[in-house]
Amino acid sequence: MPVSVVGVGAFVAATLMFVTRAHSATEVVGVLAFGLASTFAERYPVPVEGADANGVSLGFVFAVAALVLFGWAPATFIYAGAYTLVALLDRRPAVRTVFNCGAFSISGGLAGIVLPHIDGSGATGAGVQVAAMAAVLYVSNLILVTAAISVSGSTLGYLKLIRSNARWTAIPFTLMASTALMLVVLWERTPWLFAALAGPLVAISLYQRTTYKA
């Protein structure tokens, strides 16, 4: 209940902040493009062996990049909105949908608190920002979502479950963080070049699916 209430409040605040403030045409197109890509990635998550969850979404890449490029409000709108839309279309349980929307929104809000304190100037600054945003999103989601799984009938204790999920998700999330850095650099150079990331994203997905099947 606390995660759902606080998180949904953060999502509403982020959405209102995004739609009521002026944005450049490039930023609006970017948010829409990232949102569509994130929704597609959320619809087809990548399976992860050993993690007590349904897999990981490559939408993490667009959430991290959006935080650095557009700020916490558009990024939270993309991150939580993509999941919520897919969950509603798939008719997933309401409790699960609201909780995950809340968890993702809290993660976006926490990242938004950290972001202004990191110097993003230069190539090194962009790398530090991406690494920090990826770490905040990953750790906060790991803590919150694992807690929900733990109290929903998992046979493992909370700490063992965190270790298990972290063990099997650390590598794919590290790969996605590096891809998010590529997305930020490409977008800052020429926005339409972000389409070039289709290859690396497909490669990550195929790698994880092959590992899972093996």
C-alpha atoms as a PDB file:
ATOM      1  CA  MET A   1       0.000   0.000   0.000  1.00  0.00           C
ATOM      2  CA  PRO A   2       2.706   2.605   0.830  1.00  0.00           C
ATOM      3  CA  VAL A   3       4.583   1.885  -2.406  1.00  0.00           C
ATOM      4  CA  SER A   4       1.395   2.027  -4.448  1.00  0.00           C
ATOM      5  CA  VAL A   5       0.105   5.272  -2.925  1.00  0.00           C
ATOM      6  CA  VAL A   6       3.412   7.158  -2.935  1.00  0.00           C
ATOM      7  CA  GLY A   7       4.445   5.792  -6.319  1.00  0.00           C
ATOM      8  CA  VAL A   8       1.189   6.502  -8.122  1.00  0.00           C
ATOM      9  CA  GLY A   9       1.277  10.017  -6.643  1.00  0.00           C
ATOM     10  CA  ALA A  10       4.789  10.438  -8.062  1.00  0.00           C
ATOM     11  CA  PHE A  11       3.603   9.169 -11.454  1.00  0.00           C
ATOM     12  CA  VAL A  12       0.704  11.624 -11.545  1.00  0.00           C
ATOM     13  CA  ALA A  13       3.032  14.473 -10.514  1.00  0.00           C
ATOM     14  CA  ALA A  14       5.570  13.535 -13.184  1.00  0.00           C
ATOM     15  CA  THR A  15       2.878  13.292 -15.863  1.00  0.00           C
ATOM     16  CA  LEU A  16       1.371  16.674 -14.953  1.00  0.00           C
ATOM     17  CA  MET A  17       4.811  18.275 -14.871  1.00  0.00           C
ATOM     18  CA  PHE A  18       5.618  16.851 -18.292  1.00  0.00           C
ATOM     19  CA  VAL A  19       2.369  17.830 -20.041  1.00  0.00           C
ATOM     20  CA  THR A  20       2.090  21.328 -18.505  1.00  0.00           C
ATOM     21  CA  ARG A  21       5.625  22.541 -19.208  1.00  0.00           C
ATOM     22  CA  ALA A  22       6.891  23.821 -22.542  1.00  0.00           C
ATOM     23  CA  HIS A  23       9.127  21.456 -24.503  1.00  0.00           C
ATOM     24  CA  SER A  24      11.020  21.651 -27.745  1.00  0.00           C
ATOM     25  CA  ALA A  25       9.754  19.663 -30.710  1.00  0.00           C
ATOM     26  CA  THR A  26      12.834  17.439 -30.515  1.00  0.00           C
ATOM     27  CA  GLU A  27      12.169  16.629 -26.874  1.00  0.00           C
ATOM     28  CA  VAL A  28       8.505  15.811 -27.512  1.00  0.00           C
ATOM     29  CA  VAL A  29       9.429  13.522 -30.409  1.00  0.00           C
ATOM     30  CA  GLY A  30      12.117  11.933 -28.243  1.00  0.00           C
ATOM     31  CA  VAL A  31       9.747  11.222 -25.379  1.00  0.00           C
ATOM     32  CA  LEU A  32       7.176   9.724 -27.754  1.00  0.00           C
ATOM     33  CA  ALA A  33       9.809   7.605 -29.522  1.00  0.00           C
ATOM     34  CA  PHE A  34      11.304   6.398 -26.244  1.00  0.00           C
ATOM     35  CA  GLY A  35       7.817   5.693 -24.939  1.00  0.00           C
ATOM     36  CA  LEU A  36       6.870   3.563 -27.943  1.00  0.00           C
ATOM     37  CA  ALA A  37      10.160   1.677 -27.819  1.00  0.00           C
ATOM     38  CA  SER A  38       9.819   1.123 -24.076  1.00  0.00           C
ATOM     39  CA  THR A  39       6.241  -0.127 -24.483  1.00  0.00           C
ATOM     40  CA  PHE A  40       7.354  -2.632 -27.117  1.00  0.00           C
ATOM     41  CA  ALA A  41      10.217  -3.781 -24.883  1.00  0.00           C
ATOM     42  CA  GLU A  42       7.854  -4.116 -21.912  1.00  0.00           C
ATOM     43  CA  ARG A  43       5.495  -6.231 -23.977  1.00  0.00           C
ATOM     44  CA  TYR A  44       8.293  -8.692 -24.779  1.00  0.00           C
ATOM     45  CA  PRO A  45      10.523  -8.985 -21.679  1.00  0.00           C
ATOM     46  CA  VAL A  46      13.772 -10.933 -21.745  1.00  0.00           C
ATOM     47  CA  PRO A  47      13.694 -14.129 -19.638  1.00  0.00           C
ATOM     48  CA  VAL A  48      16.346 -14.441 -16.931  1.00  0.00           C
ATOM     49  CA  GLU A  49      17.332 -17.789 -15.451  1.00  0.00           C
ATOM     50  CA  GLY A  50      17.211 -18.019 -11.670  1.00  0.00           C
ATOM     51  CA  ALA A  51      15.406 -14.727 -11.049  1.00  0.00           C
ATOM     52  CA  ASP A  52      12.079 -15.030  -9.248  1.00  0.00           C
ATOM     53  CA  ALA A  53      10.351 -12.664 -11.662  1.00  0.00           C
ATOM     54  CA  ASN A  54       8.969 -12.686 -15.204  1.00  0.00           C
ATOM     55  CA  GLY A  55      12.177 -11.418 -16.783  1.00  0.00           C
ATOM     56  CA  VAL A  56      13.642  -7.998 -17.445  1.00  0.00           C
ATOM     57  CA  SER A  57      12.496  -5.321 -19.847  1.00  0.00           C
ATOM     58  CA  LEU A  58      14.869  -3.607 -22.253  1.00  0.00           C
ATOM     59  CA  GLY A  59      12.792  -0.500 -21.550  1.00  0.00           C
ATOM     60  CA  PHE A  60      15.343   0.079 -18.778  1.00  0.00           C
ATOM     61  CA  VAL A  61      17.641   1.429 -21.514  1.00  0.00           C
ATOM     62  CA  PHE A  62      15.178   4.132 -22.513  1.00  0.00           C
ATOM     63  CA  ALA A  63      14.339   5.020 -18.919  1.00  0.00           C
ATOM     64  CA  VAL A  64      17.986   5.616 -18.010  1.00  0.00           C
ATOM     65  CA  ALA A  65      18.668   7.577 -21.200  1.00  0.00           C
ATOM     66  CA  ALA A  66      15.506   9.661 -20.749  1.00  0.00           C
ATOM     67  CA  LEU A  67      16.569  10.631 -17.225  1.00  0.00           C
ATOM     68  CA  VAL A  68      19.847  12.044 -18.515  1.00  0.00           C
ATOM     69  CA  LEU A  69      18.430  13.624 -21.678  1.00  0.00           C
ATOM     70  CA  PHE A  70      15.003  14.914 -20.611  1.00  0.00           C
ATOM     71  CA  GLY A  71      14.852  14.889 -16.788  1.00  0.00           C
ATOM     72  CA  TRP A  72      12.973  12.899 -14.170  1.00  0.00           C
ATOM     73  CA  ALA A  73       9.402  13.853 -15.138  1.00  0.00           C
ATOM     74  CA  PRO A  74       9.484  12.699 -18.795  1.00  0.00           C
ATOM     75  CA  ALA A  75      11.589   9.675 -17.827  1.00  0.00           C
ATOM     76  CA  THR A  76       9.149   8.599 -15.110  1.00  0.00           C
ATOM     77  CA  PHE A  77       6.251   9.118 -17.511  1.00  0.00           C
ATOM     78  CA  ILE A  78       8.006   6.812 -19.995  1.00  0.00           C
ATOM     79  CA  TYR A  79       9.224   4.249 -17.467  1.00  0.00           C
ATOM     80  CA  ALA A  80       6.041   3.735 -15.467  1.00  0.00           C
ATOM     81  CA  GLY A  81       3.638   4.625 -18.287  1.00  0.00           C
ATOM     82  CA  ALA A  82       4.947   1.950 -20.656  1.00  0.00           C
ATOM     83  CA  TYR A  83       4.553  -0.775 -18.052  1.00  0.00           C
ATOM     84  CA  THR A  84       1.089   0.421 -17.001  1.00  0.00           C
ATOM     85  CA  LEU A  85      -0.178   0.526 -20.579  1.00  0.00           C
ATOM     86  CA  VAL A  86       1.031  -3.001 -21.314  1.00  0.00           C
ATOM     87  CA  ALA A  87      -0.346  -4.280 -17.998  1.00  0.00           C
ATOM     88  CA  LEU A  88      -3.766  -2.810 -18.745  1.00  0.00           C
ATOM     89  CA  LEU A  89      -3.809  -4.258 -22.267  1.00  0.00           C
ATOM     90  CA  ASP A  90      -2.788  -7.678 -20.913  1.00  0.00           C
ATOM     91  CA  ARG A  91      -5.360  -7.403 -18.109  1.00  0.00           C
ATOM     92  CA  ARG A  92      -2.814  -8.170 -15.430  1.00  0.00           C
ATOM     93  CA  PRO A  93      -4.027  -8.182 -11.793  1.00  0.00           C
ATOM     94  CA  ALA A  94      -4.838  -4.665 -10.575  1.00  0.00           C
ATOM     95  CA  VAL A  95      -2.757  -5.006  -7.401  1.00  0.00           C
ATOM     96  CA  ARG A  96       0.306  -5.998  -9.399  1.00  0.00           C
ATOM     97  CA  THR A  97      -0.225  -3.240 -11.964  1.00  0.00           C
ATOM     98  CA  VAL A  98      -0.614  -0.481  -9.388  1.00  0.00           C
ATOM     99  CA  PHE A  99       2.300  -1.717  -7.278  1.00  0.00           C
ATOM    100  CA  ASN A 100       4.733  -1.952 -10.193  1.00  0.00           C
ATOM    101  CA  CYS A 101       3.649   1.441 -11.520  1.00  0.00           C
ATOM    102  CA  GLY A 102       4.308   2.805  -8.033  1.00  0.00           C
ATOM    103  CA  ALA A 103       7.674   1.072  -7.715  1.00  0.00           C
ATOM    104  CA  PHE A 104       8.860   2.344 -11.105  1.00  0.00           C
ATOM    105  CA  SER A 105       7.674   5.870 -10.298  1.00  0.00           C
ATOM    106  CA  ILE A 106       9.447   5.889  -6.939  1.00  0.00           C
ATOM    107  CA  SER A 107      12.616   4.750  -8.699  1.00  0.00           C
ATOM    108  CA  GLY A 108      12.252   7.599 -11.201  1.00  0.00           C
ATOM    109  CA  GLY A 109      11.673  10.091  -8.396  1.00  0.00           C
ATOM    110  CA  LEU A 110      14.758   8.909  -6.492  1.00  0.00           C
ATOM    111  CA  ALA A 111      16.831   9.169  -9.652  1.00  0.00           C
ATOM    112  CA  GLY A 112      15.494  12.701 -10.156  1.00  0.00           C
ATOM    113  CA  ILE A 113      16.727  13.654  -6.679  1.00  0.00           C
ATOM    114  CA  VAL A 114      20.215  12.316  -7.384  1.00  0.00           C
ATOM    115  CA  LEU A 115      20.593  13.628 -10.954  1.00  0.00           C
ATOM    116  CA  PRO A 116      20.999  17.391 -10.235  1.00  0.00           C
ATOM    117  CA  HIS A 117      23.959  16.650  -7.965  1.00  0.00           C
ATOM    118  CA  ILE A 118      25.978  14.981 -10.741  1.00  0.00           C
ATOM    119  CA  ASP A 119      27.976  17.088 -13.189  1.00  0.00           C
ATOM    120  CA  GLY A 120      27.036  15.921 -16.671  1.00  0.00           C
ATOM    121  CA  SER A 121      29.422  18.110 -18.654  1.00  0.00           C
ATOM    122  CA  GLY A 122      31.664  16.354 -21.147  1.00  0.00           C
ATOM    123  CA  ALA A 123      31.819  12.713 -22.145  1.00  0.00           C
ATOM    124  CA  THR A 124      32.963  11.616 -18.697  1.00  0.00           C
ATOM    125  CA  GLY A 125      30.102  13.483 -17.030  1.00  0.00           C
ATOM    126  CA  ALA A 126      27.544  11.781 -19.263  1.00  0.00           C
ATOM    127  CA  GLY A 127      29.015   8.403 -18.392  1.00  0.00           C
ATOM    128  CA  VAL A 128      28.848   9.137 -14.672  1.00  0.00           C
ATOM    129  CA  GLN A 129      25.252  10.319 -14.956  1.00  0.00           C
ATOM    130  CA  VAL A 130      24.189   7.207 -16.859  1.00  0.00           C
ATOM    131  CA  ALA A 131      25.961   4.928 -14.391  1.00  0.00           C
ATOM    132  CA  ALA A 132      24.356   6.702 -11.420  1.00  0.00           C
ATOM    133  CA  MET A 133      20.858   6.673 -12.922  1.00  0.00           C
ATOM    134  CA  ALA A 134      21.151   3.003 -13.869  1.00  0.00           C
ATOM    135  CA  ALA A 135      22.318   2.142 -10.342  1.00  0.00           C
ATOM    136  CA  VAL A 136      19.457   4.053  -8.688  1.00  0.00           C
ATOM    137  CA  LEU A 137      16.793   2.492 -10.909  1.00  0.00           C
ATOM    138  CA  TYR A 138      18.226  -0.999 -10.584  1.00  0.00           C
ATOM    139  CA  VAL A 139      18.787  -1.020  -6.824  1.00  0.00           C
ATOM    140  CA  SER A 140      15.483   0.648  -5.915  1.00  0.00           C
ATOM    141  CA  ASN A 141      13.494  -1.664  -8.168  1.00  0.00           C
ATOM    142  CA  LEU A 142      15.374  -4.688  -6.871  1.00  0.00           C
ATOM    143  CA  ILE A 143      14.509  -3.757  -3.284  1.00  0.00           C
ATOM    144  CA  LEU A 144      10.846  -2.923  -3.899  1.00  0.00           C
ATOM    145  CA  VAL A 145       9.882  -5.618  -6.402  1.00  0.00           C
ATOM    146  CA  THR A 146      11.732  -8.339  -4.498  1.00  0.00           C
ATOM    147  CA  ALA A 147       9.812  -7.328  -1.369  1.00  0.00           C
ATOM    148  CA  ALA A 148       6.529  -7.821  -3.227  1.00  0.00           C
ATOM    149  CA  ILE A 149       7.646 -11.220  -4.540  1.00  0.00           C
ATOM    150  CA  SER A 150       8.800 -12.219  -1.058  1.00  0.00           C
ATOM    151  CA  VAL A 151       5.433 -11.583   0.580  1.00  0.00           C
ATOM    152  CA  SER A 152       3.505 -13.132  -2.317  1.00  0.00           C
ATOM    153  CA  GLY A 153       4.378 -16.723  -1.555  1.00  0.00           C
ATOM    154  CA  SER A 154       8.071 -17.129  -2.393  1.00  0.00           C
ATOM    155  CA  THR A 155       9.738 -19.979  -0.506  1.00  0.00           C
ATOM    156  CA  LEU A 156      12.963 -17.973  -0.130  1.00  0.00           C
ATOM    157  CA  GLY A 157      13.510 -15.319   2.508  1.00  0.00           C
ATOM    158  CA  TYR A 158      13.809 -11.675   1.488  1.00  0.00           C
ATOM    159  CA  LEU A 159      17.610 -11.437   1.692  1.00  0.00           C
ATOM    160  CA  LYS A 160      18.140 -14.752  -0.112  1.00  0.00           C
ATOM    161  CA  LEU A 161      15.679 -13.645  -2.766  1.00  0.00           C
ATOM    162  CA  ILE A 162      17.515 -10.352  -3.281  1.00  0.00           C
ATOM    163  CA  ARG A 163      20.818 -12.184  -3.652  1.00  0.00           C
ATOM    164  CA  SER A 164      19.270 -14.608  -6.126  1.00  0.00           C
ATOM    165  CA  ASN A 165      17.657 -11.885  -8.229  1.00  0.00           C
ATOM    166  CA  ALA A 166      20.795  -9.693  -8.136  1.00  0.00           C
ATOM    167  CA  ARG A 167      22.987 -12.608  -9.153  1.00  0.00           C
ATOM    168  CA  TRP A 168      20.990 -13.361 -12.278  1.00  0.00           C
ATOM    169  CA  THR A 169      20.056  -9.818 -13.303  1.00  0.00           C
ATOM    170  CA  ALA A 170      23.302  -7.900 -12.705  1.00  0.00           C
ATOM    171  CA  ILE A 171      24.850  -8.785 -16.068  1.00  0.00           C
ATOM    172  CA  PRO A 172      21.846  -7.955 -18.301  1.00  0.00           C
ATOM    173  CA  PHE A 173      21.268  -4.678 -16.455  1.00  0.00           C
ATOM    174  CA  THR A 174      24.954  -3.778 -16.834  1.00  0.00           C
ATOM    175  CA  LEU A 175      24.680  -4.441 -20.568  1.00  0.00           C
ATOM    176  CA  MET A 176      21.574  -2.267 -20.739  1.00  0.00           C
ATOM    177  CA  ALA A 177      23.301   0.546 -18.824  1.00  0.00           C
ATOM    178  CA  SER A 178      26.140   0.573 -21.344  1.00  0.00           C
ATOM    179  CA  THR A 179      23.588   0.642 -24.160  1.00  0.00           C
ATOM    180  CA  ALA A 180      21.837   3.581 -22.474  1.00  0.00           C
ATOM    181  CA  LEU A 181      25.135   5.480 -22.553  1.00  0.00           C
ATOM    182  CA  MET A 182      25.386   4.808 -26.289  1.00  0.00           C
ATOM    183  CA  LEU A 183      21.832   6.101 -26.699  1.00  0.00           C
ATOM    184  CA  VAL A 184      22.623   9.323 -24.806  1.00  0.00           C
ATOM    185  CA  VAL A 185      25.754   9.992 -26.875  1.00  0.00           C
ATOM    186  CA  LEU A 186      23.987   9.274 -30.168  1.00  0.00           C
ATOM    187  CA  TRP A 187      20.979  11.411 -29.248  1.00  0.00           C
ATOM    188  CA  GLU A 188      23.135  14.370 -28.262  1.00  0.00           C
ATOM    189  CA  ARG A 189      25.038  14.074 -31.528  1.00  0.00           C
ATOM    190  CA  THR A 190      22.078  13.549 -33.897  1.00  0.00           C
ATOM    191  CA  PRO A 191      18.716  12.384 -32.496  1.00  0.00           C
ATOM    192  CA  TRP A 192      17.704  10.136 -35.362  1.00  0.00           C
ATOM    193  CA  LEU A 193      20.866   8.055 -34.906  1.00  0.00           C
ATOM    194  CA  PHE A 194      19.265   6.393 -31.890  1.00  0.00           C
ATOM    195  CA  ALA A 195      17.677   3.952 -34.344  1.00  0.00           C
ATOM    196  CA  ALA A 196      21.157   2.456 -34.740  1.00  0.00           C
ATOM    197  CA  LEU A 197      20.725   0.887 -31.290  1.00  0.00           C
ATOM    198  CA  ALA A 198      18.264  -1.644 -32.685  1.00  0.00           C
ATOM    199  CA  GLY A 199      21.195  -3.976 -33.394  1.00  0.00           C
ATOM    200  CA  PRO A 200      22.735  -3.935 -29.875  1.00  0.00           C
ATOM    201  CA  LEU A 201      19.307  -4.267 -28.248  1.00  0.00           C
ATOM    202  CA  VAL A 202      18.426  -7.269 -30.400  1.00  0.00           C
ATOM    203  CA  ALA A 203      21.855  -8.756 -29.603  1.00  0.00           C
ATOM    204  CA  ILE A 204      21.248  -8.398 -25.846  1.00  0.00           C
ATOM    205  CA  SER A 205      17.813  -9.967 -26.181  1.00  0.00           C
ATOM    206  CA  LEU A 206      19.100 -12.902 -28.235  1.00  0.00           C
ATOM    207  CA  TYR A 207      22.017 -13.423 -25.837  1.00  0.00           C
ATOM    208  CA  GLN A 208      19.730 -13.589 -22.808  1.00  0.00           C
ATOM    209  CA  ARG A 209      17.197 -15.832 -24.544  1.00  0.00           C
ATOM    210  CA  THR A 210      19.928 -18.222 -25.709  1.00  0.00           C
ATOM    211  CA  THR A 211      21.429 -18.343 -22.217  1.00  0.00           C
ATOM    212  CA  TYR A 212      17.999 -18.980 -20.716  1.00  0.00           C
ATOM    213  CA  LYS A 213      17.265 -21.843 -23.134  1.00  0.00           C
ATOM    214  CA  ALA A 214      20.715 -23.390 -22.539  1.00  0.00           C
END
